[in-house]
PDB file of all heavy atoms in Angstrom:
ATOM      1  N   SER A   1     108.955 185.348  86.948  1.00  0.00           N
ATOM      2  CA  SER A   1     107.991 185.087  88.019  1.00  0.00           C
ATOM      3  C   SER A   1     108.055 186.246  89.012  1.00  0.00           C
ATOM      4  O   SER A   1     108.971 187.053  88.973  1.00  0.00           O
ATOM      5  CB  SER A   1     108.297 183.755  88.719  1.00  0.00           C
ATOM      6  OG  SER A   1     109.578 183.784  89.299  1.00  0.00           O
ATOM      7  N   GLY A   2     107.061 186.293  89.887  1.00  0.00           N
ATOM      8  CA  GLY A   2     107.017 187.352  90.901  1.00  0.00           C
ATOM      9  C   GLY A   2     106.041 188.449  90.528  1.00  0.00           C
ATOM     10  O   GLY A   2     105.401 188.400  89.475  1.00  0.00           O
ATOM     11  N   PRO A   3     105.936 189.468  91.378  1.00  0.00           N
ATOM     12  CA  PRO A   3     104.923 190.511  91.196  1.00  0.00           C
ATOM     13  C   PRO A   3     105.111 191.358  89.930  1.00  0.00           C
ATOM     14  O   PRO A   3     104.144 191.868  89.391  1.00  0.00           O
ATOM     15  CB  PRO A   3     105.049 191.369  92.452  1.00  0.00           C
ATOM     16  CG  PRO A   3     106.383 191.041  93.034  1.00  0.00           C
ATOM     17  CD  PRO A   3     106.723 189.651  92.592  1.00  0.00           C
ATOM     18  N   ASP A   4     106.335 191.489  89.455  1.00  0.00           N
ATOM     19  CA  ASP A   4     106.591 192.302  88.261  1.00  0.00           C
ATOM     20  C   ASP A   4     106.893 191.436  87.042  1.00  0.00           C
ATOM     21  O   ASP A   4     107.549 191.888  86.099  1.00  0.00           O
ATOM     22  CB  ASP A   4     107.758 193.268  88.521  1.00  0.00           C
ATOM     23  CG  ASP A   4     107.443 194.246  89.626  1.00  0.00           C
ATOM     24  OD1 ASP A   4     106.274 194.699  89.701  1.00  0.00           O
ATOM     25  OD2 ASP A   4     108.346 194.535  90.434  1.00  0.00           O
ATOM     26  N   ALA A   5     106.440 190.195  87.074  1.00  0.00           N
ATOM     27  CA  ALA A   5     106.760 189.248  86.004  1.00  0.00           C
ATOM     28  C   ALA A   5     106.055 189.605  84.703  1.00  0.00           C
ATOM     29  O   ALA A   5     104.993 190.229  84.681  1.00  0.00           O
ATOM     30  CB  ALA A   5     106.362 187.839  86.418  1.00  0.00           C
ATOM     31  N   VAL A   6     106.658 189.170  83.626  1.00  0.00           N
ATOM     32  CA  VAL A   6     106.091 189.269  82.295  1.00  0.00           C
ATOM     33  C   VAL A   6     104.813 188.405  82.259  1.00  0.00           C
ATOM     34  O   VAL A   6     104.631 187.541  83.126  1.00  0.00           O
ATOM     35  CB  VAL A   6     107.159 188.812  81.268  1.00  0.00           C
ATOM     36  CG1 VAL A   6     107.449 187.335  81.364  1.00  0.00           C
ATOM     37  CG2 VAL A   6     106.798 189.192  79.875  1.00  0.00           C
ATOM     38  N   ILE A   7     103.931 188.622  81.298  1.00  0.00           N
ATOM     39  CA  ILE A   7     102.694 187.822  81.201  1.00  0.00           C
ATOM     40  C   ILE A   7     103.019 186.328  81.087  1.00  0.00           C
ATOM     41  O   ILE A   7     104.082 185.942  80.606  1.00  0.00           O
ATOM     42  CB  ILE A   7     101.793 188.284  80.030  1.00  0.00           C
ATOM     43  CG1 ILE A   7     102.517 188.189  78.688  1.00  0.00           C
ATOM     44  CG2 ILE A   7     101.222 189.667  80.291  1.00  0.00           C
ATOM     45  CD1 ILE A   7     101.629 188.448  77.480  1.00  0.00           C
ATOM     46  N   ASP A   8     102.074 185.498  81.508  1.00  0.00           N
ATOM     47  CA  ASP A   8     102.277 184.049  81.556  1.00  0.00           C
ATOM     48  C   ASP A   8     102.725 183.456  80.219  1.00  0.00           C
ATOM     49  O   ASP A   8     103.589 182.591  80.188  1.00  0.00           O
ATOM     50  CB  ASP A   8     100.997 183.344  82.016  1.00  0.00           C
ATOM     51  CG  ASP A   8     100.654 183.628  83.472  1.00  0.00           C
ATOM     52  OD1 ASP A   8     101.499 184.183  84.200  1.00  0.00           O
ATOM     53  OD2 ASP A   8      99.527 183.281  83.877  1.00  0.00           O
ATOM     54  N   GLY A   9     102.121 183.895  79.126  1.00  0.00           N
ATOM     55  CA  GLY A   9     102.482 183.350  77.814  1.00  0.00           C
ATOM     56  C   GLY A   9     103.928 183.619  77.458  1.00  0.00           C
ATOM     57  O   GLY A   9     104.618 182.746  76.915  1.00  0.00           O
ATOM     58  N   CYS A  10     104.414 184.801  77.767  1.00  0.00           N
ATOM     59  CA  CYS A  10     105.828 185.129  77.492  1.00  0.00           C
ATOM     60  C   CYS A  10     106.744 184.349  78.429  1.00  0.00           C
ATOM     61  O   CYS A  10     107.792 183.851  77.999  1.00  0.00           O
ATOM     62  CB  CYS A  10     106.071 186.626  77.625  1.00  0.00           C
ATOM     63  SG  CYS A  10     105.336 187.582  76.278  1.00  0.00           S
ATOM     64  N   ALA A  11     106.373 184.230  79.694  1.00  0.00           N
ATOM     65  CA  ALA A  11     107.186 183.465  80.644  1.00  0.00           C
ATOM     66  C   ALA A  11     107.296 182.013  80.195  1.00  0.00           C
ATOM     67  O   ALA A  11     108.379 181.417  80.228  1.00  0.00           O
ATOM     68  CB  ALA A  11     106.600 183.560  82.048  1.00  0.00           C
ATOM     69  N   GLU A  12     106.175 181.436  79.753  1.00  0.00           N
ATOM     70  CA  GLU A  12     106.182 180.047  79.273  1.00  0.00           C
ATOM     71  C   GLU A  12     107.091 179.908  78.055  1.00  0.00           C
ATOM     72  O   GLU A  12     107.930 179.004  77.988  1.00  0.00           O
ATOM     73  CB  GLU A  12     104.761 179.607  78.926  1.00  0.00           C
ATOM     74  CG  GLU A  12     104.688 178.186  78.412  1.00  0.00           C
ATOM     75  CD  GLU A  12     103.296 177.735  77.998  1.00  0.00           C
ATOM     76  OE1 GLU A  12     102.300 178.434  78.301  1.00  0.00           O
ATOM     77  OE2 GLU A  12     103.203 176.672  77.349  1.00  0.00           O
ATOM     78  N   ALA A  13     106.940 180.799  77.097  1.00  0.00           N
ATOM     79  CA  ALA A  13     107.741 180.729  75.866  1.00  0.00           C
ATOM     80  C   ALA A  13     109.227 180.886  76.159  1.00  0.00           C
ATOM     81  O   ALA A  13     110.058 180.136  75.625  1.00  0.00           O
ATOM     82  CB  ALA A  13     107.292 181.810  74.884  1.00  0.00           C
ATOM     83  N   LEU A  14     109.567 181.844  77.005  1.00  0.00           N
ATOM     84  CA  LEU A  14     110.982 182.096  77.300  1.00  0.00           C
ATOM     85  C   LEU A  14     111.661 180.876  77.921  1.00  0.00           C
ATOM     86  O   LEU A  14     112.839 180.632  77.674  1.00  0.00           O
ATOM     87  CB  LEU A  14     111.129 183.333  78.186  1.00  0.00           C
ATOM     88  CG  LEU A  14     110.958 184.642  77.412  1.00  0.00           C
ATOM     89  CD1 LEU A  14     110.569 185.779  78.337  1.00  0.00           C
ATOM     90  CD2 LEU A  14     112.231 184.974  76.638  1.00  0.00           C
ATOM     91  N   GLN A  15     110.921 180.083  78.673  1.00  0.00           N
ATOM     92  CA  GLN A  15     111.499 178.881  79.277  1.00  0.00           C
ATOM     93  C   GLN A  15     111.688 177.750  78.267  1.00  0.00           C
ATOM     94  O   GLN A  15     112.348 176.752  78.568  1.00  0.00           O
ATOM     95  CB  GLN A  15     110.646 178.424  80.457  1.00  0.00           C
ATOM     96  CG  GLN A  15     110.728 179.400  81.619  1.00  0.00           C
ATOM     97  CD  GLN A  15     109.770 179.052  82.716  1.00  0.00           C
ATOM     98  OE1 GLN A  15     109.991 178.083  83.434  1.00  0.00           O
ATOM     99  NE2 GLN A  15     108.702 179.829  82.850  1.00  0.00           N
ATOM    100  N   LEU A  16     111.152 177.902  77.074  1.00  0.00           N
ATOM    101  CA  LEU A  16     111.359 176.932  75.984  1.00  0.00           C
ATOM    102  C   LEU A  16     112.542 177.326  75.104  1.00  0.00           C
ATOM    103  O   LEU A  16     112.979 176.542  74.270  1.00  0.00           O
ATOM    104  CB  LEU A  16     110.105 176.858  75.092  1.00  0.00           C
ATOM    105  CG  LEU A  16     108.795 176.447  75.744  1.00  0.00           C
ATOM    106  CD1 LEU A  16     107.638 176.639  74.764  1.00  0.00           C
ATOM    107  CD2 LEU A  16     108.875 175.008  76.220  1.00  0.00           C
ATOM    108  N   MET A  17     113.021 178.561  75.268  1.00  0.00           N
ATOM    109  CA  MET A  17     113.988 179.158  74.348  1.00  0.00           C
ATOM    110  C   MET A  17     115.420 179.084  74.876  1.00  0.00           C
ATOM    111  O   MET A  17     115.735 179.728  75.862  1.00  0.00           O
ATOM    112  CB  MET A  17     113.647 180.640  74.127  1.00  0.00           C
ATOM    113  CG  MET A  17     112.299 180.892  73.498  1.00  0.00           C
ATOM    114  SD  MET A  17     111.872 182.666  73.436  1.00  0.00           S
ATOM    115  CE  MET A  17     113.110 183.307  72.310  1.00  0.00           C
ATOM    116  N   PRO A  18     116.298 178.331  74.194  1.00  0.00           N
ATOM    117  CA  PRO A  18     117.707 178.445  74.557  1.00  0.00           C
ATOM    118  C   PRO A  18     118.168 179.888  74.302  1.00  0.00           C
ATOM    119  O   PRO A  18     117.714 180.531  73.358  1.00  0.00           O
ATOM    120  CB  PRO A  18     118.414 177.487  73.604  1.00  0.00           C
ATOM    121  CG  PRO A  18     117.346 176.558  73.116  1.00  0.00           C
ATOM    122  CD  PRO A  18     116.074 177.365  73.133  1.00  0.00           C
ATOM    123  N   THR A  19     119.038 180.403  75.153  1.00  0.00           N
ATOM    124  CA  THR A  19     119.550 181.756  74.976  1.00  0.00           C
ATOM    125  C   THR A  19     120.130 181.902  73.566  1.00  0.00           C
ATOM    126  O   THR A  19     120.823 181.015  73.086  1.00  0.00           O
ATOM    127  CB  THR A  19     120.612 182.062  76.053  1.00  0.00           C
ATOM    128  OG1 THR A  19     120.004 181.881  77.332  1.00  0.00           O
ATOM    129  CG2 THR A  19     121.125 183.485  75.939  1.00  0.00           C
ATOM    130  N   GLY A  20     119.796 183.011  72.915  1.00  0.00           N
ATOM    131  CA  GLY A  20     120.204 183.246  71.535  1.00  0.00           C
ATOM    132  C   GLY A  20     119.103 182.926  70.539  1.00  0.00           C
ATOM    133  O   GLY A  20     119.246 183.183  69.351  1.00  0.00           O
ATOM    134  N   SER A  21     117.975 182.398  71.027  1.00  0.00           N
ATOM    135  CA  SER A  21     116.862 182.031  70.148  1.00  0.00           C
ATOM    136  C   SER A  21     115.997 183.230  69.790  1.00  0.00           C
ATOM    137  O   SER A  21     115.937 184.216  70.528  1.00  0.00           O
ATOM    138  CB  SER A  21     115.963 180.989  70.829  1.00  0.00           C
ATOM    139  OG  SER A  21     116.642 179.771  71.027  1.00  0.00           O
ATOM    140  N   LEU A  22     115.319 183.101  68.669  1.00  0.00           N
ATOM    141  CA  LEU A  22     114.327 184.071  68.210  1.00  0.00           C
ATOM    142  C   LEU A  22     113.052 183.287  67.936  1.00  0.00           C
ATOM    143  O   LEU A  22     113.055 182.364  67.117  1.00  0.00           O
ATOM    144  CB  LEU A  22     114.817 184.765  66.931  1.00  0.00           C
ATOM    145  CG  LEU A  22     113.889 185.811  66.315  1.00  0.00           C
ATOM    146  CD1 LEU A  22     113.795 187.047  67.207  1.00  0.00           C
ATOM    147  CD2 LEU A  22     114.394 186.204  64.928  1.00  0.00           C
ATOM    148  N   TYR A  23     111.974 183.608  68.658  1.00  0.00           N
ATOM    149  CA  TYR A  23     110.687 182.930  68.507  1.00  0.00           C
ATOM    150  C   TYR A  23     109.609 183.947  68.180  1.00  0.00           C
ATOM    151  O   TYR A  23     109.660 185.092  68.614  1.00  0.00           O
ATOM    152  CB  TYR A  23     110.253 182.247  69.812  1.00  0.00           C
ATOM    153  CG  TYR A  23     110.871 180.909  70.134  1.00  0.00           C
ATOM    154  CD1 TYR A  23     112.146 180.549  69.703  1.00  0.00           C
ATOM    155  CD2 TYR A  23     110.178 180.003  70.922  1.00  0.00           C
ATOM    156  CE1 TYR A  23     112.691 179.314  70.039  1.00  0.00           C
ATOM    157  CE2 TYR A  23     110.714 178.779  71.272  1.00  0.00           C
ATOM    158  CZ  TYR A  23     111.975 178.435  70.824  1.00  0.00           C
ATOM    159  OH  TYR A  23     112.513 177.214  71.165  1.00  0.00           O
ATOM    160  N   ARG A  24     108.608 183.468  67.451  1.00  0.00           N
ATOM    161  CA  ARG A  24     107.362 184.212  67.261  1.00  0.00           C
ATOM    162  C   ARG A  24     106.326 183.452  68.062  1.00  0.00           C
ATOM    163  O   ARG A  24     106.142 182.259  67.856  1.00  0.00           O
ATOM    164  CB  ARG A  24     106.970 184.244  65.789  1.00  0.00           C
ATOM    165  CG  ARG A  24     105.612 184.911  65.538  1.00  0.00           C
ATOM    166  CD  ARG A  24     105.262 184.775  64.040  1.00  0.00           C
ATOM    167  NE  ARG A  24     103.960 185.325  63.740  1.00  0.00           N
ATOM    168  CZ  ARG A  24     102.821 184.618  63.747  1.00  0.00           C
ATOM    169  NH1 ARG A  24     102.821 183.328  64.063  1.00  0.00           N
ATOM    170  NH2 ARG A  24     101.681 185.205  63.442  1.00  0.00           N
ATOM    171  N   ILE A  25     105.677 184.132  68.999  1.00  0.00           N
ATOM    172  CA  ILE A  25     104.684 183.466  69.830  1.00  0.00           C
ATOM    173  C   ILE A  25     103.319 184.130  69.664  1.00  0.00           C
ATOM    174  O   ILE A  25     103.226 185.322  69.381  1.00  0.00           O
ATOM    175  CB  ILE A  25     105.096 183.427  71.313  1.00  0.00           C
ATOM    176  CG1 ILE A  25     105.094 184.821  71.949  1.00  0.00           C
ATOM    177  CG2 ILE A  25     106.465 182.761  71.483  1.00  0.00           C
ATOM    178  CD1 ILE A  25     105.250 184.824  73.466  1.00  0.00           C
TER     179      ILE A  25
END
């Protein structure tokens, strides 16, 4: 989040991912 945040879709996906996960979005 914030002014230099990653795009919304990546931010949403990353919050679904336990650390150590590999996702294709």
